[in-house]
Structures are given as structure tokens and as C-alpha cells.
Amino acid sequence: MSVLRVTKAALLASVFSIPFGFAASAADLILTSPEPVEDQYVDLVLPAVSAINGKLELDFGGITDPESATFRAAGSLSVPIGERFGVQGDVAIGNIDDSWSFGGALHAFTRDPSSYLLGVTAGVVVADGARLAAIGPEAELYLDRISLEGWAGWAAIDYDDIAMPDENGFFAIGDVAWYPTDDWRLSLGAASILGRESLKLATEYQFSGLGFPLSGVGEVRAYDTGAYSFRVGIKGYLGDPDKSLIDRHRQDDPPNRALDLFSAAGDLLTAEPDGPPDEPCPSENESWQLVEGEWVCEYNNES
């Protein structure tokens, strides 16, 4: 078993086991406390979303195997629904070697900014000849300067080319983040989508003294195919200009999951059908035929 796969499994297990267990414990505390529920919320819980806010993202980079330049642009808008809930919409556009992809995601969640987020998120990415969709629960757990963030569930990809078999199955995306300072984030993440696996190391730093909230971002990702990608970019926030980066991440908008699908999909969106095997069929009366996405030897039709 590869180091990439073992590390990915450990990261995803840690990310997804803790938030859901914590949420159950938090719910039990609220239900069994002698205080009225409404008093507990007033005393302990901040609004799920501080106010209407959003972000704009832009990055450039490259990927190996094959070598290609990449470009991505994205935006998110988060809106409070009362005190306890929030919704967010994501949009994104990406380009790899002159091939364009478009994506979007919708989050619905409840959150205590001092401890956790729980919700459901659905996302889709449309590329030339392929459509990738994913839906499932999303969770975050805040432990002082450490955040555990995860999204998992069911994914499916549909290809226009009949030579490419459609796929569906499990997906998971998880990150463990640490904030050395209020305006600097370091994270280690893992992803698995329909068997395509990757690990990433990412950072974000919010600059001060600019008069508006702007941060620099960077990411390096390793795929199980042996390919690597890197990107650098900027992110501008719409909202309170004086808020720290850690507070933006916990009180305002969750991650743009359309971008996460772009990054974690690997070669899913650009895959092409394989040609027939090089070796001949066992019989001279047989030839390679494409049947339900697989090359098999079949007898030649006689005229």
C-alpha cells in the first residue's frame, strides 16, 4: 500500500470521525442541560453567519503528466438564515491546457462559530464531454487554532463519449488546518473521488494595512497517478474589512467546494478512452471490439 494512500486514509479518518462525534456530544449537552435551550444559545452560540458576505478567488499554476498550465477564478456568497442557519452559493471557472470547465455548489448549514459547523452541500462541475456531481454532509470542528474540515458522500460522473463508462461511488475531501497567527493558515488535506486520490499542502495569509481584506494563497497537490500540481493566487473578501482570517473562516463563508471538486477530480474530467490492446486476438477470426467501455475479442461478422 502506497504512502500516499495510507496518509490520505489517516487524514480523512481523523477529519470525519471527530466532527460528527463532537456534534452528537454537543447536542446531548444542550438537550440534557437544566437551562432552557433558548438561554443556552443566547449565552454560548454566535450567529451561524455574521452577516451577508463573500469572497472572490483567482489563481494560476500548472500540472504535470501531461504538463499543462492552469487558471481558476471563483466567487462565493454567504447569507444568514436567522441566527442558527446559513446558506452559501459557489461558482467557479477553470482552464487546463485551453480546456474550460464550469462549476457550482450550494451549502445549507448550521454553525456555532466557537465550535462546529454541520450541513449538507451539493456541487457540480461541467467540462468538455464530462459532468461530475457530488452531494453529502459537510462538517467542521474548531479546536482553538486547529480546524478539522470535511465533505463526503456520493459522486457520479457522466461522459458524452460512449467509449467512456460512467462512474458513481464514494467521495471524501478533508483538511486539517492550523493558524499560527490570526491571519495565517496552514493546512494538510486529502481527497478521494471515485478512486482518484490526492494529498495537498496549502497556505493562506491575509495582508494587513491595505484598507481592504486581501490574502495570498498557495497549494501543492500530489495525485496517486504520480502527477503533481501547484498554484498561487489571491483571494479578496467581501465583508468586515477588519476581521481576522481565522474569524472569516469560522464566522463567514465555508470553502468554495466547486474549486475543491476541480482540484480533487484529477484526470476524471479530462480522461479519454483507451485504444485497443497492442496484442492480437487469440483467433484470426476475432478482432478487438469496444463493449460497454471495455475492449474484448469478438468474432468478426461475416458478410
C-alpha atoms as a PDB file:
ATOM      1  CA  MET A   1       0.000   0.000   0.000  1.00  0.00           C
ATOM      2  CA  SER A   2       1.462   3.387  -1.018  1.00  0.00           C
ATOM      3  CA  VAL A   3       2.464   6.144   1.399  1.00  0.00           C
ATOM      4  CA  LEU A   4       0.015   8.450  -0.408  1.00  0.00           C
ATOM      5  CA  ARG A   5      -2.895   6.102   0.222  1.00  0.00           C
ATOM      6  CA  VAL A   6      -2.017   5.461   3.886  1.00  0.00           C
ATOM      7  CA  THR A   7      -1.590   9.177   4.608  1.00  0.00           C
ATOM      8  CA  LYS A   8      -4.812  10.010   2.784  1.00  0.00           C
ATOM      9  CA  ALA A   9      -6.744   7.395   4.753  1.00  0.00           C
ATOM     10  CA  ALA A  10      -5.379   8.639   8.080  1.00  0.00           C
ATOM     11  CA  LEU A  11      -6.222  12.260   7.295  1.00  0.00           C
ATOM     12  CA  LEU A  12      -9.748  11.512   6.130  1.00  0.00           C
ATOM     13  CA  ALA A  13     -10.416   9.252   9.101  1.00  0.00           C
ATOM     14  CA  SER A  14      -9.298  11.923  11.582  1.00  0.00           C
ATOM     15  CA  VAL A  15     -11.251  14.675   9.858  1.00  0.00           C
ATOM     16  CA  PHE A  16     -14.536  12.800   9.569  1.00  0.00           C
ATOM     17  CA  SER A  17     -14.605  10.925  12.895  1.00  0.00           C
ATOM     18  CA  ILE A  18     -14.156  13.906  15.201  1.00  0.00           C
ATOM     19  CA  PRO A  19     -16.680  16.484  13.880  1.00  0.00           C
ATOM     20  CA  PHE A  20     -19.651  14.105  13.833  1.00  0.00           C
ATOM     21  CA  GLY A  21     -18.841  12.687  17.261  1.00  0.00           C
ATOM     22  CA  PHE A  22     -18.434  16.191  18.613  1.00  0.00           C
ATOM     23  CA  ALA A  23     -21.758  17.285  17.149  1.00  0.00           C
ATOM     24  CA  ALA A  24     -23.527  14.407  18.881  1.00  0.00           C
ATOM     25  CA  SER A  25     -21.907  15.340  22.211  1.00  0.00           C
ATOM     26  CA  ALA A  26     -22.841  18.995  21.767  1.00  0.00           C
ATOM     27  CA  ALA A  27     -26.445  18.087  21.019  1.00  0.00           C
ATOM     28  CA  ASP A  28     -26.544  15.850  24.111  1.00  0.00           C
ATOM     29  CA  LEU A  29     -25.241  18.667  26.312  1.00  0.00           C
ATOM     30  CA  ILE A  30     -27.917  21.035  25.044  1.00  0.00           C
ATOM     31  CA  LEU A  31     -30.729  18.527  25.481  1.00  0.00           C
ATOM     32  CA  THR A  32     -29.713  17.388  28.979  1.00  0.00           C
ATOM     33  CA  SER A  33     -28.743  20.770  30.430  1.00  0.00           C
ATOM     34  CA  PRO A  34     -31.136  22.091  33.147  1.00  0.00           C
ATOM     35  CA  GLU A  35     -31.101  25.512  31.428  1.00  0.00           C
ATOM     36  CA  PRO A  36     -33.765  26.299  28.822  1.00  0.00           C
ATOM     37  CA  VAL A  37     -32.462  25.666  25.308  1.00  0.00           C
ATOM     38  CA  GLU A  38     -33.036  29.251  24.219  1.00  0.00           C
ATOM     39  CA  ASP A  39     -30.924  30.519  27.152  1.00  0.00           C
ATOM     40  CA  GLN A  40     -28.076  28.185  26.234  1.00  0.00           C
ATOM     41  CA  TYR A  41     -27.997  29.514  22.664  1.00  0.00           C
ATOM     42  CA  VAL A  42     -28.085  33.138  23.785  1.00  0.00           C
ATOM     43  CA  ASP A  43     -25.198  32.592  26.205  1.00  0.00           C
ATOM     44  CA  LEU A  44     -22.970  30.298  24.154  1.00  0.00           C
ATOM     45  CA  VAL A  45     -23.611  30.494  20.427  1.00  0.00           C
ATOM     46  CA  LEU A  46     -22.765  33.267  17.963  1.00  0.00           C
ATOM     47  CA  PRO A  47     -24.788  33.607  14.734  1.00  0.00           C
ATOM     48  CA  ALA A  48     -24.150  30.878  12.158  1.00  0.00           C
ATOM     49  CA  VAL A  49     -23.207  33.612   9.637  1.00  0.00           C
ATOM     50  CA  SER A  50     -22.151  37.018  10.950  1.00  0.00           C
ATOM     51  CA  ALA A  51     -23.686  38.954   8.029  1.00  0.00           C
ATOM     52  CA  ILE A  52     -24.056  38.756   4.253  1.00  0.00           C
ATOM     53  CA  ASN A  53     -20.517  38.244   2.961  1.00  0.00           C
ATOM     54  CA  GLY A  54     -18.494  36.582   0.214  1.00  0.00           C
ATOM     55  CA  LYS A  55     -15.153  36.152  -1.486  1.00  0.00           C
ATOM     56  CA  LEU A  56     -13.540  36.294  -4.912  1.00  0.00           C
ATOM     57  CA  GLU A  57     -10.619  33.999  -5.829  1.00  0.00           C
ATOM     58  CA  LEU A  58      -8.111  33.944  -8.660  1.00  0.00           C
ATOM     59  CA  ASP A  59      -5.118  31.629  -9.110  1.00  0.00           C
ATOM     60  CA  PHE A  60      -2.631  30.365 -11.691  1.00  0.00           C
ATOM     61  CA  GLY A  61      -0.458  27.283 -11.738  1.00  0.00           C
ATOM     62  CA  GLY A  62       0.472  24.125 -13.539  1.00  0.00           C
ATOM     63  CA  ILE A  63       0.149  20.354 -13.533  1.00  0.00           C
ATOM     64  CA  THR A  64       2.488  17.585 -14.666  1.00  0.00           C
ATOM     65  CA  ASP A  65       1.692  14.431 -16.643  1.00  0.00           C
ATOM     66  CA  PRO A  66       0.861  15.935 -19.060  1.00  0.00           C
ATOM     67  CA  GLU A  67       2.448  19.322 -18.480  1.00  0.00           C
ATOM     68  CA  SER A  68      -0.278  21.973 -18.636  1.00  0.00           C
ATOM     69  CA  ALA A  69      -0.904  25.481 -17.370  1.00  0.00           C
ATOM     70  CA  THR A  70      -3.937  26.059 -15.156  1.00  0.00           C
ATOM     71  CA  PHE A  71      -6.146  29.046 -14.374  1.00  0.00           C
ATOM     72  CA  ARG A  72      -9.105  29.292 -11.993  1.00  0.00           C
ATOM     73  CA  ALA A  73     -11.494  32.044 -10.912  1.00  0.00           C
ATOM     74  CA  ALA A  74     -14.299  31.686  -8.376  1.00  0.00           C
ATOM     75  CA  GLY A  75     -16.751  33.513  -6.152  1.00  0.00           C
ATOM     76  CA  SER A  76     -18.900  32.721  -3.118  1.00  0.00           C
ATOM     77  CA  LEU A  77     -21.818  34.466  -1.401  1.00  0.00           C
ATOM     78  CA  SER A  78     -22.933  33.502   2.110  1.00  0.00           C
ATOM     79  CA  VAL A  79     -26.253  34.628   3.632  1.00  0.00           C
ATOM     80  CA  PRO A  80     -27.557  34.171   7.205  1.00  0.00           C
ATOM     81  CA  ILE A  81     -30.938  32.478   7.651  1.00  0.00           C
ATOM     82  CA  GLY A  82     -31.987  33.650  11.090  1.00  0.00           C
ATOM     83  CA  GLU A  83     -29.475  33.138  13.893  1.00  0.00           C
ATOM     84  CA  ARG A  84     -28.877  29.417  13.598  1.00  0.00           C
ATOM     85  CA  PHE A  85     -28.570  28.723   9.871  1.00  0.00           C
ATOM     86  CA  GLY A  86     -26.834  29.903   6.735  1.00  0.00           C
ATOM     87  CA  VAL A  87     -26.668  29.191   3.014  1.00  0.00           C
ATOM     88  CA  GLN A  88     -23.839  29.741   0.570  1.00  0.00           C
ATOM     89  CA  GLY A  89     -23.597  29.602  -3.207  1.00  0.00           C
ATOM     90  CA  ASP A  90     -20.319  28.951  -5.029  1.00  0.00           C
ATOM     91  CA  VAL A  91     -19.413  29.445  -8.690  1.00  0.00           C
ATOM     92  CA  ALA A  92     -16.114  28.658 -10.404  1.00  0.00           C
ATOM     93  CA  ILE A  93     -14.447  28.504 -13.793  1.00  0.00           C
ATOM     94  CA  GLY A  94     -11.228  26.686 -14.638  1.00  0.00           C
ATOM     95  CA  ASN A  95      -8.909  26.135 -17.585  1.00  0.00           C
ATOM     96  CA  ILE A  96      -6.388  23.342 -18.116  1.00  0.00           C
ATOM     97  CA  ASP A  97      -4.430  23.438 -21.380  1.00  0.00           C
ATOM     98  CA  ASP A  98      -7.152  25.507 -23.132  1.00  0.00           C
ATOM     99  CA  SER A  99      -9.947  23.183 -21.939  1.00  0.00           C
ATOM    100  CA  TRP A 100     -12.594  25.065 -19.937  1.00  0.00           C
ATOM    101  CA  SER A 101     -14.676  23.767 -17.015  1.00  0.00           C
ATOM    102  CA  PHE A 102     -17.505  25.408 -15.076  1.00  0.00           C
ATOM    103  CA  GLY A 103     -18.780  24.561 -11.620  1.00  0.00           C
ATOM    104  CA  GLY A 104     -21.094  25.497  -8.789  1.00  0.00           C
ATOM    105  CA  ALA A 105     -22.046  24.381  -5.284  1.00  0.00           C
ATOM    106  CA  LEU A 106     -24.757  25.077  -2.721  1.00  0.00           C
ATOM    107  CA  HIS A 107     -24.271  24.791   1.059  1.00  0.00           C
ATOM    108  CA  ALA A 108     -27.004  24.698   3.730  1.00  0.00           C
ATOM    109  CA  PHE A 109     -25.693  24.557   7.293  1.00  0.00           C
ATOM    110  CA  THR A 110     -25.994  25.346  10.962  1.00  0.00           C
ATOM    111  CA  ARG A 111     -22.950  26.555  12.886  1.00  0.00           C
ATOM    112  CA  ASP A 112     -21.625  27.606  16.244  1.00  0.00           C
ATOM    113  CA  PRO A 113     -18.577  29.703  15.239  1.00  0.00           C
ATOM    114  CA  SER A 114     -16.888  28.846  18.528  1.00  0.00           C
ATOM    115  CA  SER A 115     -17.008  25.097  17.965  1.00  0.00           C
ATOM    116  CA  TYR A 116     -18.525  23.487  14.844  1.00  0.00           C
ATOM    117  CA  LEU A 117     -20.396  23.577  11.514  1.00  0.00           C
ATOM    118  CA  LEU A 118     -22.825  20.900  10.271  1.00  0.00           C
ATOM    119  CA  GLY A 119     -24.622  20.933   6.939  1.00  0.00           C
ATOM    120  CA  VAL A 120     -25.264  19.427   3.516  1.00  0.00           C
ATOM    121  CA  THR A 121     -23.526  20.523   0.315  1.00  0.00           C
ATOM    122  CA  ALA A 122     -24.103  19.668  -3.348  1.00  0.00           C
ATOM    123  CA  GLY A 123     -21.721  20.555  -6.173  1.00  0.00           C
ATOM    124  CA  VAL A 124     -21.293  20.008  -9.901  1.00  0.00           C
ATOM    125  CA  VAL A 125     -18.511  20.579 -12.445  1.00  0.00           C
ATOM    126  CA  VAL A 126     -19.179  20.579 -16.197  1.00  0.00           C
ATOM    127  CA  ALA A 127     -16.235  20.043 -18.568  1.00  0.00           C
ATOM    128  CA  ASP A 128     -15.976  19.350 -22.288  1.00  0.00           C
ATOM    129  CA  GLY A 129     -17.685  15.977 -22.596  1.00  0.00           C
ATOM    130  CA  ALA A 130     -17.986  15.237 -18.866  1.00  0.00           C
ATOM    131  CA  ARG A 131     -20.175  16.181 -15.883  1.00  0.00           C
ATOM    132  CA  LEU A 132     -19.134  15.474 -12.273  1.00  0.00           C
ATOM    133  CA  ALA A 133     -21.688  15.838  -9.444  1.00  0.00           C
ATOM    134  CA  ALA A 134     -21.307  15.286  -5.688  1.00  0.00           C
ATOM    135  CA  ILE A 135     -23.599  15.589  -2.669  1.00  0.00           C
ATOM    136  CA  GLY A 136     -23.204  14.806   1.020  1.00  0.00           C
ATOM    137  CA  PRO A 137     -22.783  16.107   4.566  1.00  0.00           C
ATOM    138  CA  GLU A 138     -20.234  18.810   5.370  1.00  0.00           C
ATOM    139  CA  ALA A 139     -18.724  19.297   8.827  1.00  0.00           C
ATOM    140  CA  GLU A 140     -16.131  21.427  10.586  1.00  0.00           C
ATOM    141  CA  LEU A 141     -14.744  21.316  14.118  1.00  0.00           C
ATOM    142  CA  TYR A 142     -12.866  24.244  15.708  1.00  0.00           C
ATOM    143  CA  LEU A 143     -10.282  23.421  18.378  1.00  0.00           C
ATOM    144  CA  ASP A 144      -8.553  26.640  19.409  1.00  0.00           C
ATOM    145  CA  ARG A 145      -6.167  27.289  16.457  1.00  0.00           C
ATOM    146  CA  ILE A 146      -6.878  23.951  14.757  1.00  0.00           C
ATOM    147  CA  SER A 147      -9.778  23.320  12.369  1.00  0.00           C
ATOM    148  CA  LEU A 148     -10.935  19.959  11.041  1.00  0.00           C
ATOM    149  CA  GLU A 149     -12.980  20.313   7.838  1.00  0.00           C
ATOM    150  CA  GLY A 150     -14.653  17.604   5.760  1.00  0.00           C
ATOM    151  CA  TRP A 151     -17.155  16.944   2.985  1.00  0.00           C
ATOM    152  CA  ALA A 152     -18.143  13.411   1.963  1.00  0.00           C
ATOM    153  CA  GLY A 153     -20.924  11.478   0.278  1.00  0.00           C
ATOM    154  CA  TRP A 154     -21.885  10.224  -3.189  1.00  0.00           C
ATOM    155  CA  ALA A 155     -20.386  11.321  -6.506  1.00  0.00           C
ATOM    156  CA  ALA A 156     -21.111  10.451 -10.122  1.00  0.00           C
ATOM    157  CA  ILE A 157     -19.530  11.344 -13.446  1.00  0.00           C
ATOM    158  CA  ASP A 158     -21.260  11.122 -16.811  1.00  0.00           C
ATOM    159  CA  TYR A 159     -19.367  11.110 -20.137  1.00  0.00           C
ATOM    160  CA  ASP A 160     -20.688  12.021 -23.572  1.00  0.00           C
ATOM    161  CA  ASP A 161     -18.342   9.535 -25.263  1.00  0.00           C
ATOM    162  CA  ILE A 162     -19.918   6.054 -25.209  1.00  0.00           C
ATOM    163  CA  ALA A 163     -16.391   4.614 -25.091  1.00  0.00           C
ATOM    164  CA  MET A 164     -16.007   6.095 -21.598  1.00  0.00           C
ATOM    165  CA  PRO A 165     -18.006   4.222 -18.930  1.00  0.00           C
ATOM    166  CA  ASP A 166     -19.900   6.418 -16.461  1.00  0.00           C
ATOM    167  CA  GLU A 167     -18.893   6.050 -12.813  1.00  0.00           C
ATOM    168  CA  ASN A 168     -20.509   6.620  -9.417  1.00  0.00           C
ATOM    169  CA  GLY A 169     -19.490   5.944  -5.840  1.00  0.00           C
ATOM    170  CA  PHE A 170     -17.999   7.393  -2.668  1.00  0.00           C
ATOM    171  CA  PHE A 171     -16.074  10.647  -2.358  1.00  0.00           C
ATOM    172  CA  ALA A 172     -14.419  12.426   0.578  1.00  0.00           C
ATOM    173  CA  ILE A 173     -12.488  15.680   0.920  1.00  0.00           C
ATOM    174  CA  GLY A 174     -10.859  16.584   4.246  1.00  0.00           C
ATOM    175  CA  ASP A 175      -8.437  19.165   5.668  1.00  0.00           C
ATOM    176  CA  VAL A 176      -6.603  19.665   8.943  1.00  0.00           C
ATOM    177  CA  ALA A 177      -5.760  23.370   9.304  1.00  0.00           C
ATOM    178  CA  TRP A 178      -3.591  25.246  11.808  1.00  0.00           C
ATOM    179  CA  TYR A 179      -3.490  29.014  12.333  1.00  0.00           C
ATOM    180  CA  PRO A 180      -0.022  30.051  13.641  1.00  0.00           C
ATOM    181  CA  THR A 181      -1.437  33.597  13.811  1.00  0.00           C
ATOM    182  CA  ASP A 182      -4.933  35.012  13.378  1.00  0.00           C
ATOM    183  CA  ASP A 183      -4.136  35.918   9.746  1.00  0.00           C
ATOM    184  CA  TRP A 184      -2.116  32.886   8.628  1.00  0.00           C
ATOM    185  CA  ARG A 185      -3.465  29.417   7.814  1.00  0.00           C
ATOM    186  CA  LEU A 186      -1.515  26.219   7.044  1.00  0.00           C
ATOM    187  CA  SER A 187      -3.397  23.066   6.028  1.00  0.00           C
ATOM    188  CA  LEU A 188      -2.804  19.457   5.075  1.00  0.00           C
ATOM    189  CA  GLY A 189      -5.582  17.819   3.089  1.00  0.00           C
ATOM    190  CA  ALA A 190      -6.599  14.595   1.366  1.00  0.00           C
ATOM    191  CA  ALA A 191      -9.237  13.719  -1.208  1.00  0.00           C
ATOM    192  CA  SER A 192     -10.727  10.612  -2.790  1.00  0.00           C
ATOM    193  CA  ILE A 193     -13.239  10.888  -5.646  1.00  0.00           C
ATOM    194  CA  LEU A 194     -14.337   7.707  -7.422  1.00  0.00           C
ATOM    195  CA  GLY A 195     -10.964   6.103  -6.694  1.00  0.00           C
ATOM    196  CA  ARG A 196      -8.847   9.131  -7.668  1.00  0.00           C
ATOM    197  CA  GLU A 197      -6.769  10.082  -4.641  1.00  0.00           C
ATOM    198  CA  SER A 198      -4.575  13.045  -3.757  1.00  0.00           C
ATOM    199  CA  LEU A 199      -2.791  14.846  -0.933  1.00  0.00           C
ATOM    200  CA  LYS A 200      -2.282  18.602  -0.680  1.00  0.00           C
ATOM    201  CA  LEU A 201      -0.338  21.160   1.327  1.00  0.00           C
ATOM    202  CA  ALA A 202      -1.854  24.658   1.270  1.00  0.00           C
ATOM    203  CA  THR A 203      -1.427  28.066   2.884  1.00  0.00           C
ATOM    204  CA  GLU A 204      -3.259  31.387   3.057  1.00  0.00           C
ATOM    205  CA  TYR A 205      -2.032  34.686   4.506  1.00  0.00           C
ATOM    206  CA  GLN A 206      -4.200  37.777   4.938  1.00  0.00           C
ATOM    207  CA  PHE A 207      -2.329  41.040   4.424  1.00  0.00           C
ATOM    208  CA  SER A 208      -2.871  43.946   6.806  1.00  0.00           C
ATOM    209  CA  GLY A 209      -2.769  47.688   6.217  1.00  0.00           C
ATOM    210  CA  LEU A 210      -4.235  47.565   2.692  1.00  0.00           C
ATOM    211  CA  GLY A 211      -7.593  49.120   3.578  1.00  0.00           C
ATOM    212  CA  PHE A 212      -9.461  46.080   2.225  1.00  0.00           C
ATOM    213  CA  PRO A 213      -9.314  42.343   3.045  1.00  0.00           C
ATOM    214  CA  LEU A 214      -6.926  40.571   0.643  1.00  0.00           C
ATOM    215  CA  SER A 215      -4.920  37.392   1.095  1.00  0.00           C
ATOM    216  CA  GLY A 216      -2.361  35.375  -0.822  1.00  0.00           C
ATOM    217  CA  VAL A 217      -2.881  31.617  -1.332  1.00  0.00           C
ATOM    218  CA  GLY A 218      -0.735  28.715  -2.442  1.00  0.00           C
ATOM    219  CA  GLU A 219      -1.164  24.958  -2.864  1.00  0.00           C
ATOM    220  CA  VAL A 220       0.877  21.910  -3.885  1.00  0.00           C
ATOM    221  CA  ARG A 221      -1.004  18.666  -4.606  1.00  0.00           C
ATOM    222  CA  ALA A 222       0.220  15.099  -5.313  1.00  0.00           C
ATOM    223  CA  TYR A 223      -2.021  12.623  -7.169  1.00  0.00           C
ATOM    224  CA  ASP A 224      -1.931   8.835  -6.987  1.00  0.00           C
ATOM    225  CA  THR A 225      -1.121   8.753 -10.714  1.00  0.00           C
ATOM    226  CA  GLY A 226       2.272  10.325  -9.995  1.00  0.00           C
ATOM    227  CA  ALA A 227       1.227  13.759 -11.260  1.00  0.00           C
ATOM    228  CA  TYR A 228       1.740  16.965  -9.261  1.00  0.00           C
ATOM    229  CA  SER A 229       0.053  20.347  -9.391  1.00  0.00           C
ATOM    230  CA  PHE A 230       0.830  23.744  -7.903  1.00  0.00           C
ATOM    231  CA  ARG A 231      -0.980  27.068  -7.816  1.00  0.00           C
ATOM    232  CA  VAL A 232      -0.568  30.558  -6.369  1.00  0.00           C
ATOM    233  CA  GLY A 233      -3.172  33.293  -6.273  1.00  0.00           C
ATOM    234  CA  ILE A 234      -5.102  35.933  -4.383  1.00  0.00           C
ATOM    235  CA  LYS A 235      -8.401  35.986  -2.515  1.00  0.00           C
ATOM    236  CA  GLY A 236     -10.468  39.075  -1.750  1.00  0.00           C
ATOM    237  CA  TYR A 237     -13.179  39.068   0.907  1.00  0.00           C
ATOM    238  CA  LEU A 238     -16.480  40.967   0.906  1.00  0.00           C
ATOM    239  CA  GLY A 239     -17.484  41.953   4.412  1.00  0.00           C
ATOM    240  CA  ASP A 240     -15.956  43.398   7.550  1.00  0.00           C
ATOM    241  CA  PRO A 241     -12.555  44.803   6.451  1.00  0.00           C
ATOM    242  CA  ASP A 242     -11.093  44.473   9.960  1.00  0.00           C
ATOM    243  CA  LYS A 243     -11.935  40.812  10.599  1.00  0.00           C
ATOM    244  CA  SER A 244      -9.061  38.344  11.064  1.00  0.00           C
ATOM    245  CA  LEU A 245      -8.588  35.416   8.698  1.00  0.00           C
ATOM    246  CA  ILE A 246      -9.468  32.786  11.312  1.00  0.00           C
ATOM    247  CA  ASP A 247     -12.714  34.622  12.110  1.00  0.00           C
ATOM    248  CA  ARG A 248     -13.609  34.894   8.417  1.00  0.00           C
ATOM    249  CA  HIS A 249     -13.242  31.141   8.030  1.00  0.00           C
ATOM    250  CA  ARG A 250     -15.326  30.367  11.116  1.00  0.00           C
ATOM    251  CA  GLN A 251     -17.922  33.149  11.137  1.00  0.00           C
ATOM    252  CA  ASP A 252     -18.488  33.887   7.446  1.00  0.00           C
ATOM    253  CA  ASP A 253     -18.201  31.637   4.387  1.00  0.00           C
ATOM    254  CA  PRO A 254     -17.190  27.938   4.192  1.00  0.00           C
ATOM    255  CA  PRO A 255     -14.712  26.794   1.484  1.00  0.00           C
ATOM    256  CA  ASN A 256     -15.677  27.045  -2.192  1.00  0.00           C
ATOM    257  CA  ARG A 257     -16.499  23.388  -2.887  1.00  0.00           C
ATOM    258  CA  ALA A 258     -16.704  23.870  -6.658  1.00  0.00           C
ATOM    259  CA  LEU A 259     -12.961  24.630  -6.564  1.00  0.00           C
ATOM    260  CA  ASP A 260     -12.399  21.573  -4.366  1.00  0.00           C
ATOM    261  CA  LEU A 261     -14.085  19.373  -6.998  1.00  0.00           C
ATOM    262  CA  PHE A 262     -11.876  20.908  -9.705  1.00  0.00           C
ATOM    263  CA  SER A 263      -8.713  20.131  -7.747  1.00  0.00           C
ATOM    264  CA  ALA A 264      -9.603  16.694  -6.376  1.00  0.00           C
ATOM    265  CA  ALA A 265     -11.076  15.257  -9.595  1.00  0.00           C
ATOM    266  CA  GLY A 266      -7.627  14.648 -11.059  1.00  0.00           C
ATOM    267  CA  ASP A 267      -7.898  13.204 -14.553  1.00  0.00           C
ATOM    268  CA  LEU A 268     -11.612  12.388 -14.240  1.00  0.00           C
ATOM    269  CA  LEU A 269     -12.680  15.470 -16.195  1.00  0.00           C
ATOM    270  CA  THR A 270     -10.020  15.107 -18.903  1.00  0.00           C
ATOM    271  CA  ALA A 271      -9.986  11.313 -19.287  1.00  0.00           C
ATOM    272  CA  GLU A 272     -10.023   9.857 -22.799  1.00  0.00           C
ATOM    273  CA  PRO A 273     -10.881   6.321 -23.906  1.00  0.00           C
ATOM    274  CA  ASP A 274      -8.003   3.879 -24.289  1.00  0.00           C
ATOM    275  CA  GLY A 275      -7.353   2.343 -27.679  1.00  0.00           C
ATOM    276  CA  PRO A 276      -7.450  -1.426 -28.278  1.00  0.00           C
ATOM    277  CA  PRO A 277      -4.629  -3.544 -26.777  1.00  0.00           C
ATOM    278  CA  ASP A 278      -1.463  -3.953 -28.822  1.00  0.00           C
ATOM    279  CA  GLU A 279      -1.554  -7.748 -28.798  1.00  0.00           C
ATOM    280  CA  PRO A 280      -3.713  -9.550 -31.374  1.00  0.00           C
ATOM    281  CA  CYS A 281      -6.800 -11.579 -30.516  1.00  0.00           C
ATOM    282  CA  PRO A 282      -6.251 -15.348 -29.977  1.00  0.00           C
ATOM    283  CA  SER A 283      -8.030 -16.230 -33.221  1.00  0.00           C
ATOM    284  CA  GLU A 284      -7.557 -14.706 -36.657  1.00  0.00           C
ATOM    285  CA  ASN A 285     -11.352 -14.710 -36.951  1.00  0.00           C
ATOM    286  CA  GLU A 286     -11.617 -12.356 -33.953  1.00  0.00           C
ATOM    287  CA  SER A 287     -10.950  -8.644 -33.593  1.00  0.00           C
ATOM    288  CA  TRP A 288     -10.983  -6.153 -30.757  1.00  0.00           C
ATOM    289  CA  GLN A 289     -14.440  -4.616 -30.186  1.00  0.00           C
ATOM    290  CA  LEU A 290     -15.478  -1.941 -27.670  1.00  0.00           C
ATOM    291  CA  VAL A 291     -18.294  -3.334 -25.498  1.00  0.00           C
ATOM    292  CA  GLU A 292     -19.700  -1.253 -22.636  1.00  0.00           C
ATOM    293  CA  GLY A 293     -16.462   0.679 -22.320  1.00  0.00           C
ATOM    294  CA  GLU A 294     -14.153  -2.370 -22.414  1.00  0.00           C
ATOM    295  CA  TRP A 295     -12.114  -3.892 -25.260  1.00  0.00           C
ATOM    296  CA  VAL A 296     -12.976  -7.550 -25.849  1.00  0.00           C
ATOM    297  CA  CYS A 297     -12.193 -10.046 -28.620  1.00  0.00           C
ATOM    298  CA  GLU A 298     -15.251 -10.968 -30.672  1.00  0.00           C
ATOM    299  CA  TYR A 299     -15.731 -12.978 -33.842  1.00  0.00           C
ATOM    300  CA  ASN A 300     -15.847 -10.889 -36.981  1.00  0.00           C
ATOM    301  CA  ASN A 301     -19.252 -10.520 -38.573  1.00  0.00           C
ATOM    302  CA  GLU A 302     -19.335 -12.337 -41.906  1.00  0.00           C
ATOM    303  CA  SER A 303     -20.989 -10.622 -44.803  1.00  0.00           C
END
